[in-house]
Amino acid sequence: MNWDETKQITGAEILISTTGLSQKERSHLIREELTQAFGLPADSDKYPESIFYQQWTEITEYSSLDKKLIKMLYNPQVKPGMNESQLEKLWRENRL
């Protein structure tokens, strides 16, 4: 992923093998990597049902938490470069 000086994403490159993977594994990787390229680049060890789970999975659908994160990301109050405490404040105030 590439960012500009304002922390806006300016580009991303995703490479997914066409060999050595099942279609389900490939579908998982396509969904995960595209979603991450749109602004949610981190994985987590906390939520095994999430498309962003750090360990290897074949999950191909967004979990309810994933959907909330994506919705939050595209909320107009969320700006490029915001830090965790700023986002938590919006979340606590039920503005996201």
PDB file of N, CA and C in Angstrom:
ATOM      1  N   MET A   1       0.846  -1.174   0.000  1.00  0.00           N
ATOM      2  CA  MET A   1       0.000   0.000   0.000  1.00  0.00           C
ATOM      3  C   MET A   1       0.889   1.234   0.000  1.00  0.00           C
ATOM      4  N   ASN A   2       0.394   2.262  -0.645  1.00  0.00           N
ATOM      5  CA  ASN A   2       1.098   3.542  -0.682  1.00  0.00           C
ATOM      6  C   ASN A   2       0.177   4.626  -0.138  1.00  0.00           C
ATOM      7  N   TRP A   3       0.771   5.564   0.604  1.00  0.00           N
ATOM      8  CA  TRP A   3       0.036   6.681   1.189  1.00  0.00           C
ATOM      9  C   TRP A   3       0.704   7.977   0.792  1.00  0.00           C
ATOM     10  N   ASP A   4      -0.088   9.055   0.808  1.00  0.00           N
ATOM     11  CA  ASP A   4       0.493  10.379   0.614  1.00  0.00           C
ATOM     12  C   ASP A   4       0.770  11.015   1.972  1.00  0.00           C
ATOM     13  N   GLU A   5       1.191  12.261   1.972  1.00  0.00           N
ATOM     14  CA  GLU A   5       1.547  12.939   3.226  1.00  0.00           C
ATOM     15  C   GLU A   5       0.358  13.152   4.159  1.00  0.00           C
ATOM     16  N   THR A   6      -0.861  13.061   3.647  1.00  0.00           N
ATOM     17  CA  THR A   6      -2.051  13.222   4.500  1.00  0.00           C
ATOM     18  C   THR A   6      -2.590  11.874   4.979  1.00  0.00           C
ATOM     19  N   LYS A   7      -1.858  10.797   4.692  1.00  0.00           N
ATOM     20  CA  LYS A   7      -2.217   9.423   5.079  1.00  0.00           C
ATOM     21  C   LYS A   7      -3.351   8.843   4.244  1.00  0.00           C
ATOM     22  N   GLN A   8      -3.662   9.468   3.118  1.00  0.00           N
ATOM     23  CA  GLN A   8      -4.656   8.903   2.215  1.00  0.00           C
ATOM     24  C   GLN A   8      -3.996   7.830   1.348  1.00  0.00           C
ATOM     25  N   ILE A   9      -4.686   6.739   1.151  1.00  0.00           N
ATOM     26  CA  ILE A   9      -4.163   5.659   0.330  1.00  0.00           C
ATOM     27  C   ILE A   9      -4.135   6.120  -1.119  1.00  0.00           C
ATOM     28  N   THR A  10      -2.980   5.963  -1.737  1.00  0.00           N
ATOM     29  CA  THR A  10      -2.834   6.373  -3.135  1.00  0.00           C
ATOM     30  C   THR A  10      -2.692   5.186  -4.073  1.00  0.00           C
ATOM     31  N   GLY A  11      -2.474   4.014  -3.525  1.00  0.00           N
ATOM     32  CA  GLY A  11      -2.352   2.837  -4.375  1.00  0.00           C
ATOM     33  C   GLY A  11      -2.058   1.595  -3.558  1.00  0.00           C
ATOM     34  N   ALA A  12      -2.272   0.470  -4.170  1.00  0.00           N
ATOM     35  CA  ALA A  12      -1.979  -0.811  -3.524  1.00  0.00           C
ATOM     36  C   ALA A  12      -1.737  -1.845  -4.606  1.00  0.00           C
ATOM     37  N   GLU A  13      -0.942  -2.835  -4.267  1.00  0.00           N
ATOM     38  CA  GLU A  13      -0.697  -3.942  -5.173  1.00  0.00           C
ATOM     39  C   GLU A  13      -0.963  -5.231  -4.417  1.00  0.00           C
ATOM     40  N   ILE A  14      -1.771  -6.085  -4.999  1.00  0.00           N
ATOM     41  CA  ILE A  14      -2.149  -7.349  -4.373  1.00  0.00           C
ATOM     42  C   ILE A  14      -1.714  -8.483  -5.294  1.00  0.00           C
ATOM     43  N   LEU A  15      -0.970  -9.412  -4.740  1.00  0.00           N
ATOM     44  CA  LEU A  15      -0.534 -10.570  -5.498  1.00  0.00           C
ATOM     45  C   LEU A  15      -1.059 -11.825  -4.814  1.00  0.00           C
ATOM     46  N   ILE A  16      -1.791 -12.635  -5.549  1.00  0.00           N
ATOM     47  CA  ILE A  16      -2.358 -13.879  -5.017  1.00  0.00           C
ATOM     48  C   ILE A  16      -2.034 -14.994  -5.994  1.00  0.00           C
ATOM     49  N   SER A  17      -1.461 -16.050  -5.473  1.00  0.00           N
ATOM     50  CA  SER A  17      -1.059 -17.174  -6.307  1.00  0.00           C
ATOM     51  C   SER A  17      -2.260 -17.798  -7.017  1.00  0.00           C
ATOM     52  N   THR A  18      -2.007 -18.254  -8.217  1.00  0.00           N
ATOM     53  CA  THR A  18      -3.035 -18.986  -8.960  1.00  0.00           C
ATOM     54  C   THR A  18      -2.808 -20.492  -8.866  1.00  0.00           C
ATOM     55  N   THR A  19      -1.752 -20.889  -8.166  1.00  0.00           N
ATOM     56  CA  THR A  19      -1.458 -22.308  -7.991  1.00  0.00           C
ATOM     57  C   THR A  19      -1.244 -22.608  -6.515  1.00  0.00           C
ATOM     58  N   GLY A  20      -1.469 -23.858  -6.138  1.00  0.00           N
ATOM     59  CA  GLY A  20      -1.207 -24.285  -4.774  1.00  0.00           C
ATOM     60  C   GLY A  20      -2.261 -23.887  -3.763  1.00  0.00           C
ATOM     61  N   LEU A  21      -3.354 -23.306  -4.214  1.00  0.00           N
ATOM     62  CA  LEU A  21      -4.449 -22.886  -3.335  1.00  0.00           C
ATOM     63  C   LEU A  21      -5.754 -23.476  -3.847  1.00  0.00           C
ATOM     64  N   SER A  22      -6.632 -23.788  -2.914  1.00  0.00           N
ATOM     65  CA  SER A  22      -7.983 -24.176  -3.325  1.00  0.00           C
ATOM     66  C   SER A  22      -8.742 -22.912  -3.725  1.00  0.00           C
ATOM     67  N   GLN A  23      -9.866 -23.079  -4.401  1.00  0.00           N
ATOM     68  CA  GLN A  23     -10.671 -21.908  -4.770  1.00  0.00           C
ATOM     69  C   GLN A  23     -11.168 -21.184  -3.518  1.00  0.00           C
ATOM     70  N   LYS A  24     -11.511 -21.934  -2.478  1.00  0.00           N
ATOM     71  CA  LYS A  24     -11.979 -21.317  -1.234  1.00  0.00           C
ATOM     72  C   LYS A  24     -10.870 -20.480  -0.589  1.00  0.00           C
ATOM     73  N   GLU A  25      -9.660 -20.993  -0.560  1.00  0.00           N
ATOM     74  CA  GLU A  25      -8.532 -20.234  -0.016  1.00  0.00           C
ATOM     75  C   GLU A  25      -8.276 -18.978  -0.849  1.00  0.00           C
ATOM     76  N   ARG A  26      -8.319 -19.131  -2.157  1.00  0.00           N
ATOM     77  CA  ARG A  26      -8.118 -17.978  -3.044  1.00  0.00           C
ATOM     78  C   ARG A  26      -9.213 -16.938  -2.841  1.00  0.00           C
ATOM     79  N   SER A  27     -10.461 -17.385  -2.691  1.00  0.00           N
ATOM     80  CA  SER A  27     -11.578 -16.454  -2.453  1.00  0.00           C
ATOM     81  C   SER A  27     -11.379 -15.697  -1.142  1.00  0.00           C
ATOM     82  N   HIS A  28     -10.913 -16.403  -0.119  1.00  0.00           N
ATOM     83  CA  HIS A  28     -10.625 -15.741   1.160  1.00  0.00           C
ATOM     84  C   HIS A  28      -9.568 -14.656   0.960  1.00  0.00           C
ATOM     85  N   LEU A  29      -8.478 -15.012   0.307  1.00  0.00           N
ATOM     86  CA  LEU A  29      -7.380 -14.055   0.120  1.00  0.00           C
ATOM     87  C   LEU A  29      -7.810 -12.848  -0.705  1.00  0.00           C
ATOM     88  N   ILE A  30      -8.598 -13.059  -1.736  1.00  0.00           N
ATOM     89  CA  ILE A  30      -9.068 -11.940  -2.549  1.00  0.00           C
ATOM     90  C   ILE A  30      -9.887 -10.978  -1.696  1.00  0.00           C
ATOM     91  N   ARG A  31     -10.833 -11.505  -0.927  1.00  0.00           N
ATOM     92  CA  ARG A  31     -11.674 -10.643  -0.091  1.00  0.00           C
ATOM     93  C   ARG A  31     -10.834  -9.933   0.972  1.00  0.00           C
ATOM     94  N   GLU A  32      -9.985 -10.676   1.655  1.00  0.00           N
ATOM     95  CA  GLU A  32      -9.178 -10.074   2.722  1.00  0.00           C
ATOM     96  C   GLU A  32      -8.245  -8.994   2.184  1.00  0.00           C
ATOM     97  N   GLU A  33      -7.518  -9.311   1.146  1.00  0.00           N
ATOM     98  CA  GLU A  33      -6.517  -8.367   0.642  1.00  0.00           C
ATOM     99  C   GLU A  33      -7.148  -7.135   0.009  1.00  0.00           C
ATOM    100  N   LEU A  34      -8.246  -7.291  -0.715  1.00  0.00           N
ATOM    101  CA  LEU A  34      -8.931  -6.121  -1.270  1.00  0.00           C
ATOM    102  C   LEU A  34      -9.463  -5.217  -0.159  1.00  0.00           C
ATOM    103  N   THR A  35     -10.058  -5.826   0.857  1.00  0.00           N
ATOM    104  CA  THR A  35     -10.585  -5.035   1.976  1.00  0.00           C
ATOM    105  C   THR A  35      -9.452  -4.304   2.687  1.00  0.00           C
ATOM    106  N   GLN A  36      -8.344  -4.978   2.879  1.00  0.00           N
ATOM    107  CA  GLN A  36      -7.216  -4.334   3.533  1.00  0.00           C
ATOM    108  C   GLN A  36      -6.666  -3.195   2.680  1.00  0.00           C
ATOM    109  N   ALA A  37      -6.646  -3.365   1.378  1.00  0.00           N
ATOM    110  CA  ALA A  37      -6.148  -2.313   0.494  1.00  0.00           C
ATOM    111  C   ALA A  37      -7.042  -1.075   0.500  1.00  0.00           C
ATOM    112  N   PHE A  38      -8.308  -1.237   0.872  1.00  0.00           N
ATOM    113  CA  PHE A  38      -9.219  -0.093   0.946  1.00  0.00           C
ATOM    114  C   PHE A  38      -9.120   0.643   2.278  1.00  0.00           C
ATOM    115  N   GLY A  39      -8.257   0.177   3.196  1.00  0.00           N
ATOM    116  CA  GLY A  39      -8.023   0.971   4.392  1.00  0.00           C
ATOM    117  C   GLY A  39      -8.025   0.249   5.712  1.00  0.00           C
ATOM    118  N   LEU A  40      -8.157  -1.060   5.734  1.00  0.00           N
ATOM    119  CA  LEU A  40      -8.103  -1.812   6.997  1.00  0.00           C
ATOM    120  C   LEU A  40      -6.973  -2.836   6.891  1.00  0.00           C
ATOM    121  N   PRO A  41      -5.706  -2.376   6.960  1.00  0.00           N
ATOM    122  CA  PRO A  41      -4.584  -3.244   6.624  1.00  0.00           C
ATOM    123  C   PRO A  41      -4.134  -4.243   7.689  1.00  0.00           C
ATOM    124  N   ALA A  42      -4.627  -4.139   8.893  1.00  0.00           N
ATOM    125  CA  ALA A  42      -4.095  -4.980   9.970  1.00  0.00           C
ATOM    126  C   ALA A  42      -4.909  -6.259  10.164  1.00  0.00           C
ATOM    127  N   ASP A  43      -4.219  -7.287  10.644  1.00  0.00           N
ATOM    128  CA  ASP A  43      -4.858  -8.536  11.053  1.00  0.00           C
ATOM    129  C   ASP A  43      -4.936  -8.564  12.575  1.00  0.00           C
ATOM    130  N   SER A  44      -5.731  -9.500  13.105  1.00  0.00           N
ATOM    131  CA  SER A  44      -5.899  -9.633  14.549  1.00  0.00           C
ATOM    132  C   SER A  44      -5.897 -11.108  14.931  1.00  0.00           C
ATOM    133  N   ASP A  45      -5.376 -11.391  16.109  1.00  0.00           N
ATOM    134  CA  ASP A  45      -5.429 -12.747  16.665  1.00  0.00           C
ATOM    135  C   ASP A  45      -6.650 -12.947  17.552  1.00  0.00           C
ATOM    136  N   LYS A  46      -7.474 -11.930  17.709  1.00  0.00           N
ATOM    137  CA  LYS A  46      -8.574 -11.974  18.680  1.00  0.00           C
ATOM    138  C   LYS A  46      -9.877 -12.548  18.150  1.00  0.00           C
ATOM    139  N   TYR A  47     -10.146 -12.461  16.867  1.00  0.00           N
ATOM    140  CA  TYR A  47     -11.476 -12.769  16.347  1.00  0.00           C
ATOM    141  C   TYR A  47     -11.402 -13.810  15.227  1.00  0.00           C
ATOM    142  N   PRO A  48     -11.463 -15.107  15.568  1.00  0.00           N
ATOM    143  CA  PRO A  48     -11.296 -16.151  14.554  1.00  0.00           C
ATOM    144  C   PRO A  48     -12.371 -16.166  13.473  1.00  0.00           C
ATOM    145  N   GLU A  49     -13.520 -15.530  13.697  1.00  0.00           N
ATOM    146  CA  GLU A  49     -14.579 -15.498  12.690  1.00  0.00           C
ATOM    147  C   GLU A  49     -14.397 -14.340  11.702  1.00  0.00           C
ATOM    148  N   SER A  50     -13.393 -13.511  11.933  1.00  0.00           N
ATOM    149  CA  SER A  50     -13.161 -12.328  11.106  1.00  0.00           C
ATOM    150  C   SER A  50     -12.336 -12.657   9.870  1.00  0.00           C
ATOM    151  N   ILE A  51     -12.596 -11.944   8.787  1.00  0.00           N
ATOM    152  CA  ILE A  51     -11.794 -12.061   7.575  1.00  0.00           C
ATOM    153  C   ILE A  51     -10.368 -11.595   7.850  1.00  0.00           C
ATOM    154  N   PHE A  52     -10.175 -10.825   8.915  1.00  0.00           N
ATOM    155  CA  PHE A  52      -8.872 -10.270   9.277  1.00  0.00           C
ATOM    156  C   PHE A  52      -8.126 -11.106  10.314  1.00  0.00           C
ATOM    157  N   TYR A  53      -8.600 -12.311  10.595  1.00  0.00           N
ATOM    158  CA  TYR A  53      -7.937 -13.167  11.579  1.00  0.00           C
ATOM    159  C   TYR A  53      -6.527 -13.488  11.100  1.00  0.00           C
ATOM    160  N   GLN A  54      -5.562 -13.335  11.994  1.00  0.00           N
ATOM    161  CA  GLN A  54      -4.152 -13.490  11.641  1.00  0.00           C
ATOM    162  C   GLN A  54      -3.802 -14.908  11.192  1.00  0.00           C
ATOM    163  N   GLN A  55      -4.378 -15.901  11.819  1.00  0.00           N
ATOM    164  CA  GLN A  55      -4.064 -17.288  11.462  1.00  0.00           C
ATOM    165  C   GLN A  55      -4.729 -17.658  10.129  1.00  0.00           C
ATOM    166  N   TRP A  56      -4.237 -18.693   9.509  1.00  0.00           N
ATOM    167  CA  TRP A  56      -4.763 -19.128   8.211  1.00  0.00           C
ATOM    168  C   TRP A  56      -6.198 -19.621   8.356  1.00  0.00           C
ATOM    169  N   THR A  57      -7.101 -19.111   7.550  1.00  0.00           N
ATOM    170  CA  THR A  57      -8.496 -19.567   7.531  1.00  0.00           C
ATOM    171  C   THR A  57      -8.970 -19.627   6.087  1.00  0.00           C
ATOM    172  N   GLU A  58     -10.161 -20.159   5.912  1.00  0.00           N
ATOM    173  CA  GLU A  58     -10.805 -20.160   4.600  1.00  0.00           C
ATOM    174  C   GLU A  58     -12.108 -19.374   4.657  1.00  0.00           C
ATOM    175  N   ILE A  59     -12.213 -18.458   5.609  1.00  0.00           N
ATOM    176  CA  ILE A  59     -13.408 -17.625   5.738  1.00  0.00           C
ATOM    177  C   ILE A  59     -13.559 -16.788   4.467  1.00  0.00           C
ATOM    178  N   THR A  60     -14.765 -16.791   3.900  1.00  0.00           N
ATOM    179  CA  THR A  60     -14.988 -16.038   2.659  1.00  0.00           C
ATOM    180  C   THR A  60     -16.073 -14.970   2.793  1.00  0.00           C
ATOM    181  N   GLU A  61     -16.639 -14.830   3.974  1.00  0.00           N
ATOM    182  CA  GLU A  61     -17.681 -13.819   4.213  1.00  0.00           C
ATOM    183  C   GLU A  61     -17.242 -12.913   5.356  1.00  0.00           C
ATOM    184  N   TYR A  62     -17.728 -11.685   5.344  1.00  0.00           N
ATOM    185  CA  TYR A  62     -17.441 -10.775   6.450  1.00  0.00           C
ATOM    186  C   TYR A  62     -18.232 -11.187   7.685  1.00  0.00           C
ATOM    187  N   SER A  63     -17.589 -11.091   8.850  1.00  0.00           N
ATOM    188  CA  SER A  63     -18.302 -11.291  10.115  1.00  0.00           C
ATOM    189  C   SER A  63     -19.073 -10.013  10.439  1.00  0.00           C
ATOM    190  N   SER A  64     -19.915 -10.062  11.449  1.00  0.00           N
ATOM    191  CA  SER A  64     -20.640  -8.845  11.845  1.00  0.00           C
ATOM    192  C   SER A  64     -19.655  -7.770  12.311  1.00  0.00           C
ATOM    193  N   LEU A  65     -18.575  -8.167  12.971  1.00  0.00           N
ATOM    194  CA  LEU A  65     -17.556  -7.196  13.386  1.00  0.00           C
ATOM    195  C   LEU A  65     -16.868  -6.583  12.159  1.00  0.00           C
ATOM    196  N   ASP A  66     -16.550  -7.395  11.182  1.00  0.00           N
ATOM    197  CA  ASP A  66     -15.935  -6.875   9.950  1.00  0.00           C
ATOM    198  C   ASP A  66     -16.823  -5.809   9.317  1.00  0.00           C
ATOM    199  N   LYS A  67     -18.110  -6.095   9.247  1.00  0.00           N
ATOM    200  CA  LYS A  67     -19.052  -5.141   8.652  1.00  0.00           C
ATOM    201  C   LYS A  67     -19.087  -3.836   9.439  1.00  0.00           C
ATOM    202  N   LYS A  68     -19.028  -3.924  10.763  1.00  0.00           N
ATOM    203  CA  LYS A  68     -19.003  -2.707  11.593  1.00  0.00           C
ATOM    204  C   LYS A  68     -17.732  -1.904  11.342  1.00  0.00           C
ATOM    205  N   LEU A  69     -16.589  -2.591  11.217  1.00  0.00           N
ATOM    206  CA  LEU A  69     -15.326  -1.900  10.954  1.00  0.00           C
ATOM    207  C   LEU A  69     -15.340  -1.212   9.598  1.00  0.00           C
ATOM    208  N   ILE A  70     -15.865  -1.888   8.593  1.00  0.00           N
ATOM    209  CA  ILE A  70     -15.938  -1.297   7.254  1.00  0.00           C
ATOM    210  C   ILE A  70     -16.864  -0.086   7.262  1.00  0.00           C
ATOM    211  N   LYS A  71     -17.992  -0.218   7.923  1.00  0.00           N
ATOM    212  CA  LYS A  71     -18.927   0.911   8.042  1.00  0.00           C
ATOM    213  C   LYS A  71     -18.257   2.080   8.754  1.00  0.00           C
ATOM    214  N   MET A  72     -17.520   1.793   9.815  1.00  0.00           N
ATOM    215  CA  MET A  72     -16.815   2.834  10.560  1.00  0.00           C
ATOM    216  C   MET A  72     -15.774   3.517   9.673  1.00  0.00           C
ATOM    217  N   LEU A  73     -15.032   2.735   8.912  1.00  0.00           N
ATOM    218  CA  LEU A  73     -13.989   3.286   8.056  1.00  0.00           C
ATOM    219  C   LEU A  73     -14.536   4.328   7.087  1.00  0.00           C
ATOM    220  N   TYR A  74     -15.742   4.070   6.582  1.00  0.00           N
ATOM    221  CA  TYR A  74     -16.313   4.980   5.589  1.00  0.00           C
ATOM    222  C   TYR A  74     -17.261   6.022   6.176  1.00  0.00           C
ATOM    223  N   ASN A  75     -17.290   6.127   7.497  1.00  0.00           N
ATOM    224  CA  ASN A  75     -18.052   7.184   8.149  1.00  0.00           C
ATOM    225  C   ASN A  75     -17.351   8.513   7.858  1.00  0.00           C
ATOM    226  N   PRO A  76     -18.095   9.551   7.493  1.00  0.00           N
ATOM    227  CA  PRO A  76     -17.464  10.833   7.140  1.00  0.00           C
ATOM    228  C   PRO A  76     -16.672  11.470   8.290  1.00  0.00           C
ATOM    229  N   GLN A  77     -16.930  11.046   9.524  1.00  0.00           N
ATOM    230  CA  GLN A  77     -16.181  11.602  10.654  1.00  0.00           C
ATOM    231  C   GLN A  77     -14.784  10.988  10.782  1.00  0.00           C
ATOM    232  N   VAL A  78     -14.561   9.872  10.121  1.00  0.00           N
ATOM    233  CA  VAL A  78     -13.254   9.224  10.158  1.00  0.00           C
ATOM    234  C   VAL A  78     -12.396   9.825   9.050  1.00  0.00           C
ATOM    235  N   LYS A  79     -11.243  10.341   9.451  1.00  0.00           N
ATOM    236  CA  LYS A  79     -10.347  11.025   8.525  1.00  0.00           C
ATOM    237  C   LYS A  79      -9.011  10.289   8.425  1.00  0.00           C
ATOM    238  N   PRO A  80      -8.342  10.380   7.280  1.00  0.00           N
ATOM    239  CA  PRO A  80      -7.019   9.764   7.151  1.00  0.00           C
ATOM    240  C   PRO A  80      -6.076  10.280   8.240  1.00  0.00           C
ATOM    241  N   GLY A  81      -5.299   9.366   8.807  1.00  0.00           N
ATOM    242  CA  GLY A  81      -4.314   9.747   9.808  1.00  0.00           C
ATOM    243  C   GLY A  81      -4.817   9.770  11.234  1.00  0.00           C
ATOM    244  N   MET A  82      -6.119   9.515  11.459  1.00  0.00           N
ATOM    245  CA  MET A  82      -6.626   9.495  12.836  1.00  0.00           C
ATOM    246  C   MET A  82      -5.950   8.369  13.595  1.00  0.00           C
ATOM    247  N   ASN A  83      -5.707   8.608  14.899  1.00  0.00           N
ATOM    248  CA  ASN A  83      -5.079   7.571  15.702  1.00  0.00           C
ATOM    249  C   ASN A  83      -6.130   6.773  16.469  1.00  0.00           C
ATOM    250  N   GLU A  84      -5.671   5.753  17.154  1.00  0.00           N
ATOM    251  CA  GLU A  84      -6.574   4.843  17.856  1.00  0.00           C
ATOM    252  C   GLU A  84      -7.431   5.564  18.892  1.00  0.00           C
ATOM    253  N   SER A  85      -6.841   6.475  19.656  1.00  0.00           N
ATOM    254  CA  SER A  85      -7.620   7.158  20.699  1.00  0.00           C
ATOM    255  C   SER A  85      -8.698   8.059  20.097  1.00  0.00           C
ATOM    256  N   GLN A  86      -8.426   8.675  18.973  1.00  0.00           N
ATOM    257  CA  GLN A  86      -9.436   9.502  18.310  1.00  0.00           C
ATOM    258  C   GLN A  86     -10.602   8.643  17.823  1.00  0.00           C
ATOM    259  N   LEU A  87     -10.298   7.484  17.265  1.00  0.00           N
ATOM    260  CA  LEU A  87     -11.349   6.581  16.803  1.00  0.00           C
ATOM    261  C   LEU A  87     -12.142   6.004  17.964  1.00  0.00           C
ATOM    262  N   GLU A  88     -11.453   5.655  19.054  1.00  0.00           N
ATOM    263  CA  GLU A  88     -12.148   5.126  20.232  1.00  0.00           C
ATOM    264  C   GLU A  88     -13.098   6.163  20.811  1.00  0.00           C
ATOM    265  N   LYS A  89     -12.692   7.420  20.807  1.00  0.00           N
ATOM    266  CA  LYS A  89     -13.556   8.491  21.315  1.00  0.00           C
ATOM    267  C   LYS A  89     -14.834   8.589  20.491  1.00  0.00           C
ATOM    268  N   LEU A  90     -14.724   8.561  19.165  1.00  0.00           N
ATOM    269  CA  LEU A  90     -15.906   8.587  18.314  1.00  0.00           C
ATOM    270  C   LEU A  90     -16.789   7.373  18.574  1.00  0.00           C
ATOM    271  N   TRP A  91     -16.168   6.209  18.758  1.00  0.00           N
ATOM    272  CA  TRP A  91     -16.908   4.970  19.011  1.00  0.00           C
ATOM    273  C   TRP A  91     -17.671   5.072  20.321  1.00  0.00           C
ATOM    274  N   ARG A  92     -16.991   5.535  21.384  1.00  0.00           N
ATOM    275  CA  ARG A  92     -17.633   5.660  22.708  1.00  0.00           C
ATOM    276  C   ARG A  92     -18.784   6.657  22.682  1.00  0.00           C
ATOM    277  N   GLU A  93     -18.649   7.690  21.900  1.00  0.00           N
ATOM    278  CA  GLU A  93     -19.694   8.715  21.801  1.00  0.00           C
ATOM    279  C   GLU A  93     -20.820   8.285  20.856  1.00  0.00           C
ATOM    280  N   ASN A  94     -20.751   7.045  20.393  1.00  0.00           N
ATOM    281  CA  ASN A  94     -21.766   6.486  19.475  1.00  0.00           C
ATOM    282  C   ASN A  94     -21.924   7.302  18.208  1.00  0.00           C
ATOM    283  N   ARG A  95     -20.839   7.883  17.766  1.00  0.00           N
ATOM    284  CA  ARG A  95     -20.893   8.662  16.536  1.00  0.00           C
ATOM    285  C   ARG A  95     -20.421   7.843  15.342  1.00  0.00           C
ATOM    286  N   LEU A  96     -19.994   6.620  15.598  1.00  0.00           N
ATOM    287  CA  LEU A  96     -19.574   5.740  14.496  1.00  0.00           C
ATOM    288  C   LEU A  96     -20.509   4.554  14.414  1.00  0.00           C
TER     289      LEU A  96
END
